[in-house]
């Protein structure tokens, strides 16, 4: 059995050359395609957005809409 992921885990993925974020909240899966090509600068931008989402989840301020 795989170990359970900690609350607020937001993953950065390369999907067809572009960056996207994927995460779960209360059993629901979410995905956000950023439309940014996968390069060093855009990875930093994406990491900042992932951190914002992570903090919203941890503080119970996540709004799925």
PDB file of N, CA and C in Angstrom:
ATOM      1  N   UNK A   1       0.839  -1.172   0.000  1.00  0.00           N
ATOM      2  CA  UNK A   1       0.000   0.000   0.000  1.00  0.00           C
ATOM      3  C   UNK A   1       0.891   1.245   0.000  1.00  0.00           C
ATOM      4  N   UNK A   2       0.558   2.213  -0.840  1.00  0.00           N
ATOM      5  CA  UNK A   2       1.353   3.439  -0.940  1.00  0.00           C
ATOM      6  C   UNK A   2       1.109   4.321   0.280  1.00  0.00           C
ATOM      7  N   UNK A   3       2.132   5.072   0.707  1.00  0.00           N
ATOM      8  CA  UNK A   3       1.942   5.963   1.846  1.00  0.00           C
ATOM      9  C   UNK A   3       0.991   7.102   1.490  1.00  0.00           C
ATOM     10  N   UNK A   4       0.223   7.551   2.474  1.00  0.00           N
ATOM     11  CA  UNK A   4      -0.725   8.625   2.252  1.00  0.00           C
ATOM     12  C   UNK A   4       0.019   9.947   2.090  1.00  0.00           C
ATOM     13  N   UNK A   5      -0.388  10.746   1.128  1.00  0.00           N
ATOM     14  CA  UNK A   5       0.238  12.048   0.896  1.00  0.00           C
ATOM     15  C   UNK A   5      -0.232  13.037   1.953  1.00  0.00           C
ATOM     16  N   UNK A   6       0.631  13.981   2.256  1.00  0.00           N
ATOM     17  CA  UNK A   6       0.274  14.985   3.237  1.00  0.00           C
ATOM     18  C   UNK A   6      -0.717  15.976   2.635  1.00  0.00           C
ATOM     19  N   UNK A   7      -1.499  16.606   3.494  1.00  0.00           N
ATOM     20  CA  UNK A   7      -2.480  17.587   3.069  1.00  0.00           C
ATOM     21  C   UNK A   7      -1.771  18.771   2.428  1.00  0.00           C
ATOM     22  N   UNK A   8      -2.286  19.232   1.313  1.00  0.00           N
ATOM     23  CA  UNK A   8      -1.737  20.402   0.651  1.00  0.00           C
ATOM     24  C   UNK A   8      -0.683  20.106  -0.384  1.00  0.00           C
ATOM     25  N   UNK A   9      -0.569  18.866  -0.810  1.00  0.00           N
ATOM     26  CA  UNK A   9       0.432  18.506  -1.811  1.00  0.00           C
ATOM     27  C   UNK A   9      -0.045  18.946  -3.199  1.00  0.00           C
ATOM     28  N   UNK A  10       0.714  19.836  -3.842  1.00  0.00           N
ATOM     29  CA  UNK A  10       0.398  20.316  -5.186  1.00  0.00           C
ATOM     30  C   UNK A  10       1.577  19.944  -6.080  1.00  0.00           C
ATOM     31  N   UNK A  11       1.302  19.181  -7.127  1.00  0.00           N
ATOM     32  CA  UNK A  11       2.359  18.689  -8.013  1.00  0.00           C
ATOM     33  C   UNK A  11       2.457  19.532  -9.274  1.00  0.00           C
ATOM     34  N   UNK A  12       3.692  19.792  -9.693  1.00  0.00           N
ATOM     35  CA  UNK A  12       3.969  20.469 -10.956  1.00  0.00           C
ATOM     36  C   UNK A  12       4.299  19.387 -11.977  1.00  0.00           C
ATOM     37  N   UNK A  13       3.621  19.430 -13.125  1.00  0.00           N
ATOM     38  CA  UNK A  13       3.830  18.422 -14.166  1.00  0.00           C
ATOM     39  C   UNK A  13       4.114  19.075 -15.508  1.00  0.00           C
ATOM     40  N   UNK A  14       4.885  18.377 -16.321  1.00  0.00           N
ATOM     41  CA  UNK A  14       5.073  18.739 -17.713  1.00  0.00           C
ATOM     42  C   UNK A  14       4.075  17.894 -18.499  1.00  0.00           C
ATOM     43  N   UNK A  15       3.128  18.562 -19.158  1.00  0.00           N
ATOM     44  CA  UNK A  15       2.142  17.861 -19.969  1.00  0.00           C
ATOM     45  C   UNK A  15       2.227  18.400 -21.384  1.00  0.00           C
ATOM     46  N   UNK A  16       2.770  17.571 -22.278  1.00  0.00           N
ATOM     47  CA  UNK A  16       2.928  17.937 -23.693  1.00  0.00           C
ATOM     48  C   UNK A  16       3.735  19.220 -23.866  1.00  0.00           C
ATOM     49  N   UNK A  17       4.748  19.391 -23.012  1.00  0.00           N
ATOM     50  CA  UNK A  17       5.638  20.540 -23.127  1.00  0.00           C
ATOM     51  C   UNK A  17       5.204  21.775 -22.363  1.00  0.00           C
ATOM     52  N   UNK A  18       4.035  21.712 -21.723  1.00  0.00           N
ATOM     53  CA  UNK A  18       3.529  22.845 -20.957  1.00  0.00           C
ATOM     54  C   UNK A  18       3.354  22.435 -19.498  1.00  0.00           C
ATOM     55  N   UNK A  19       3.392  23.428 -18.621  1.00  0.00           N
ATOM     56  CA  UNK A  19       3.295  23.150 -17.191  1.00  0.00           C
ATOM     57  C   UNK A  19       1.848  23.152 -16.721  1.00  0.00           C
ATOM     58  N   UNK A  20       1.574  22.248 -15.796  1.00  0.00           N
ATOM     59  CA  UNK A  20       0.259  22.236 -15.159  1.00  0.00           C
ATOM     60  C   UNK A  20       0.429  21.819 -13.705  1.00  0.00           C
ATOM     61  N   UNK A  21      -0.567  22.176 -12.913  1.00  0.00           N
ATOM     62  CA  UNK A  21      -0.603  21.825 -11.496  1.00  0.00           C
ATOM     63  C   UNK A  21      -1.702  20.805 -11.273  1.00  0.00           C
ATOM     64  N   UNK A  22      -1.449  19.832 -10.381  1.00  0.00           N
ATOM     65  CA  UNK A  22      -2.459  18.832 -10.032  1.00  0.00           C
ATOM     66  C   UNK A  22      -2.436  18.627  -8.533  1.00  0.00           C
ATOM     67  N   UNK A  23      -3.638  18.520  -7.933  1.00  0.00           N
ATOM     68  CA  UNK A  23      -3.750  18.312  -6.494  1.00  0.00           C
ATOM     69  C   UNK A  23      -5.109  17.727  -6.158  1.00  0.00           C
ATOM     70  N   UNK A  24      -5.262  17.330  -4.903  1.00  0.00           N
ATOM     71  CA  UNK A  24      -6.523  16.790  -4.384  1.00  0.00           C
ATOM     72  C   UNK A  24      -6.926  17.557  -3.132  1.00  0.00           C
ATOM     73  N   UNK A  25      -8.223  17.759  -3.004  1.00  0.00           N
ATOM     74  CA  UNK A  25      -8.790  18.351  -1.793  1.00  0.00           C
ATOM     75  C   UNK A  25     -10.066  17.589  -1.486  1.00  0.00           C
ATOM     76  N   UNK A  26     -10.142  17.023  -0.305  1.00  0.00           N
ATOM     77  CA  UNK A  26     -11.312  16.267   0.160  1.00  0.00           C
ATOM     78  C   UNK A  26     -11.767  15.234  -0.873  1.00  0.00           C
ATOM     79  N   UNK A  27     -10.815  14.517  -1.447  1.00  0.00           N
ATOM     80  CA  UNK A  27     -11.118  13.442  -2.378  1.00  0.00           C
ATOM     81  C   UNK A  27     -11.395  13.873  -3.807  1.00  0.00           C
ATOM     82  N   UNK A  28     -11.459  15.174  -4.059  1.00  0.00           N
ATOM     83  CA  UNK A  28     -11.681  15.685  -5.413  1.00  0.00           C
ATOM     84  C   UNK A  28     -10.344  16.028  -6.055  1.00  0.00           C
ATOM     85  N   UNK A  29     -10.193  15.667  -7.331  1.00  0.00           N
ATOM     86  CA  UNK A  29      -8.968  15.982  -8.056  1.00  0.00           C
ATOM     87  C   UNK A  29      -9.138  17.303  -8.802  1.00  0.00           C
ATOM     88  N   UNK A  30      -8.070  18.089  -8.801  1.00  0.00           N
ATOM     89  CA  UNK A  30      -8.066  19.367  -9.500  1.00  0.00           C
ATOM     90  C   UNK A  30      -6.837  19.443 -10.391  1.00  0.00           C
ATOM     91  N   UNK A  31      -6.967  20.192 -11.480  1.00  0.00           N
ATOM     92  CA  UNK A  31      -5.873  20.382 -12.417  1.00  0.00           C
ATOM     93  C   UNK A  31      -5.949  21.810 -12.936  1.00  0.00           C
ATOM     94  N   UNK A  32      -4.804  22.450 -13.039  1.00  0.00           N
ATOM     95  CA  UNK A  32      -4.747  23.809 -13.572  1.00  0.00           C
ATOM     96  C   UNK A  32      -3.645  23.867 -14.619  1.00  0.00           C
ATOM     97  N   UNK A  33      -4.046  24.020 -15.873  1.00  0.00           N
ATOM     98  CA  UNK A  33      -3.076  24.185 -16.963  1.00  0.00           C
ATOM     99  C   UNK A  33      -2.740  25.658 -17.058  1.00  0.00           C
ATOM    100  N   UNK A  34      -1.451  25.984 -16.983  1.00  0.00           N
ATOM    101  CA  UNK A  34      -1.032  27.375 -16.940  1.00  0.00           C
ATOM    102  C   UNK A  34      -0.737  27.961 -18.314  1.00  0.00           C
ATOM    103  N   UNK A  35      -0.582  27.117 -19.321  1.00  0.00           N
ATOM    104  CA  UNK A  35      -0.285  27.606 -20.655  1.00  0.00           C
ATOM    105  C   UNK A  35       1.135  28.121 -20.806  1.00  0.00           C
ATOM    106  N   UNK A  36       2.007  27.750 -19.862  1.00  0.00           N
ATOM    107  CA  UNK A  36       3.402  28.181 -19.894  1.00  0.00           C
ATOM    108  C   UNK A  36       4.281  27.042 -20.372  1.00  0.00           C
ATOM    109  N   UNK A  37       5.177  27.307 -21.312  1.00  0.00           N
ATOM    110  CA  UNK A  37       6.111  26.263 -21.728  1.00  0.00           C
ATOM    111  C   UNK A  37       7.034  25.882 -20.574  1.00  0.00           C
ATOM    112  N   UNK A  38       7.495  24.657 -20.576  1.00  0.00           N
ATOM    113  CA  UNK A  38       8.346  24.155 -19.501  1.00  0.00           C
ATOM    114  C   UNK A  38       9.777  24.657 -19.686  1.00  0.00           C
ATOM    115  N   UNK A  39      10.125  25.710 -18.943  1.00  0.00           N
ATOM    116  CA  UNK A  39      11.506  26.193 -18.898  1.00  0.00           C
ATOM    117  C   UNK A  39      11.810  26.651 -17.474  1.00  0.00           C
ATOM    118  N   UNK A  40      13.022  27.055 -17.221  1.00  0.00           N
ATOM    119  CA  UNK A  40      13.482  27.371 -15.871  1.00  0.00           C
ATOM    120  C   UNK A  40      12.666  28.506 -15.226  1.00  0.00           C
ATOM    121  N   UNK A  41      12.460  29.588 -15.935  1.00  0.00           N
ATOM    122  CA  UNK A  41      11.729  30.734 -15.378  1.00  0.00           C
ATOM    123  C   UNK A  41      10.278  30.354 -15.104  1.00  0.00           C
ATOM    124  N   UNK A  42       9.647  29.676 -16.047  1.00  0.00           N
ATOM    125  CA  UNK A  42       8.249  29.290 -15.859  1.00  0.00           C
ATOM    126  C   UNK A  42       8.083  28.266 -14.751  1.00  0.00           C
ATOM    127  N   UNK A  43       9.084  27.448 -14.500  1.00  0.00           N
ATOM    128  CA  UNK A  43       9.045  26.518 -13.362  1.00  0.00           C
ATOM    129  C   UNK A  43       8.972  27.299 -12.048  1.00  0.00           C
ATOM    130  N   UNK A  44       9.700  28.407 -11.948  1.00  0.00           N
ATOM    131  CA  UNK A  44       9.655  29.233 -10.738  1.00  0.00           C
ATOM    132  C   UNK A  44       8.277  29.878 -10.574  1.00  0.00           C
ATOM    133  N   UNK A  45       7.721  30.390 -11.663  1.00  0.00           N
ATOM    134  CA  UNK A  45       6.387  30.986 -11.628  1.00  0.00           C
ATOM    135  C   UNK A  45       5.362  29.938 -11.181  1.00  0.00           C
ATOM    136  N   UNK A  46       5.460  28.748 -11.748  1.00  0.00           N
ATOM    137  CA  UNK A  46       4.533  27.668 -11.423  1.00  0.00           C
ATOM    138  C   UNK A  46       4.689  27.238  -9.967  1.00  0.00           C
ATOM    139  N   UNK A  47       5.909  27.193  -9.470  1.00  0.00           N
ATOM    140  CA  UNK A  47       6.145  26.825  -8.072  1.00  0.00           C
ATOM    141  C   UNK A  47       5.500  27.842  -7.130  1.00  0.00           C
ATOM    142  N   UNK A  48       5.525  29.119  -7.481  1.00  0.00           N
ATOM    143  CA  UNK A  48       4.881  30.140  -6.657  1.00  0.00           C
ATOM    144  C   UNK A  48       3.368  29.946  -6.631  1.00  0.00           C
ATOM    145  N   UNK A  49       2.778  29.648  -7.780  1.00  0.00           N
ATOM    146  CA  UNK A  49       1.331  29.397  -7.833  1.00  0.00           C
ATOM    147  C   UNK A  49       0.972  28.145  -7.041  1.00  0.00           C
ATOM    148  N   UNK A  50       1.807  27.113  -7.136  1.00  0.00           N
ATOM    149  CA  UNK A  50       1.567  25.886  -6.380  1.00  0.00           C
ATOM    150  C   UNK A  50       1.622  26.165  -4.888  1.00  0.00           C
ATOM    151  N   UNK A  51       2.551  26.996  -4.466  1.00  0.00           N
ATOM    152  CA  UNK A  51       2.661  27.332  -3.051  1.00  0.00           C
ATOM    153  C   UNK A  51       1.443  28.113  -2.566  1.00  0.00           C
ATOM    154  N   UNK A  52       0.912  29.008  -3.394  1.00  0.00           N
ATOM    155  CA  UNK A  52      -0.298  29.753  -3.035  1.00  0.00           C
ATOM    156  C   UNK A  52      -1.476  28.802  -2.843  1.00  0.00           C
ATOM    157  N   UNK A  53      -1.638  27.858  -3.746  1.00  0.00           N
ATOM    158  CA  UNK A  53      -2.716  26.870  -3.632  1.00  0.00           C
ATOM    159  C   UNK A  53      -2.518  26.023  -2.380  1.00  0.00           C
ATOM    160  N   UNK A  54      -1.275  25.583  -2.143  1.00  0.00           N
ATOM    161  CA  UNK A  54      -0.960  24.767  -0.972  1.00  0.00           C
ATOM    162  C   UNK A  54      -1.327  25.506   0.322  1.00  0.00           C
ATOM    163  N   UNK A  55      -0.979  26.785   0.412  1.00  0.00           N
ATOM    164  CA  UNK A  55      -1.299  27.562   1.611  1.00  0.00           C
ATOM    165  C   UNK A  55      -2.803  27.733   1.777  1.00  0.00           C
ATOM    166  N   UNK A  56      -3.533  27.909   0.674  1.00  0.00           N
ATOM    167  CA  UNK A  56      -4.997  27.991   0.752  1.00  0.00           C
ATOM    168  C   UNK A  56      -5.589  26.691   1.279  1.00  0.00           C
ATOM    169  N   UNK A  57      -5.063  25.567   0.839  1.00  0.00           N
ATOM    170  CA  UNK A  57      -5.559  24.268   1.306  1.00  0.00           C
ATOM    171  C   UNK A  57      -5.278  24.109   2.793  1.00  0.00           C
ATOM    172  N   UNK A  58      -4.055  24.405   3.206  1.00  0.00           N
ATOM    173  CA  UNK A  58      -3.664  24.222   4.608  1.00  0.00           C
ATOM    174  C   UNK A  58      -4.417  25.142   5.555  1.00  0.00           C
ATOM    175  N   UNK A  59      -4.784  26.331   5.085  1.00  0.00           N
ATOM    176  CA  UNK A  59      -5.505  27.279   5.940  1.00  0.00           C
ATOM    177  C   UNK A  59      -7.022  27.159   5.795  1.00  0.00           C
ATOM    178  N   UNK A  60      -7.476  26.127   5.073  1.00  0.00           N
ATOM    179  CA  UNK A  60      -8.911  25.890   4.828  1.00  0.00           C
ATOM    180  C   UNK A  60      -9.581  27.053   4.109  1.00  0.00           C
ATOM    181  N   UNK A  61      -8.836  27.737   3.245  1.00  0.00           N
ATOM    182  CA  UNK A  61      -9.375  28.828   2.446  1.00  0.00           C
ATOM    183  C   UNK A  61      -9.469  28.468   0.977  1.00  0.00           C
ATOM    184  N   UNK A  62      -9.310  27.195   0.644  1.00  0.00           N
ATOM    185  CA  UNK A  62      -9.365  26.771  -0.762  1.00  0.00           C
ATOM    186  C   UNK A  62     -10.787  26.906  -1.284  1.00  0.00           C
ATOM    187  N   UNK A  63     -10.924  27.615  -2.389  1.00  0.00           N
ATOM    188  CA  UNK A  63     -12.215  27.778  -3.055  1.00  0.00           C
ATOM    189  C   UNK A  63     -12.117  27.096  -4.424  1.00  0.00           C
ATOM    190  N   UNK A  64     -12.855  26.009  -4.634  1.00  0.00           N
ATOM    191  CA  UNK A  64     -12.712  25.249  -5.876  1.00  0.00           C
ATOM    192  C   UNK A  64     -13.259  25.970  -7.108  1.00  0.00           C
ATOM    193  N   UNK A  65     -13.890  27.094  -6.963  1.00  0.00           N
ATOM    194  CA  UNK A  65     -14.499  27.778  -8.124  1.00  0.00           C
ATOM    195  C   UNK A  65     -13.602  28.774  -8.712  1.00  0.00           C
TER     196      UNK A  65
END
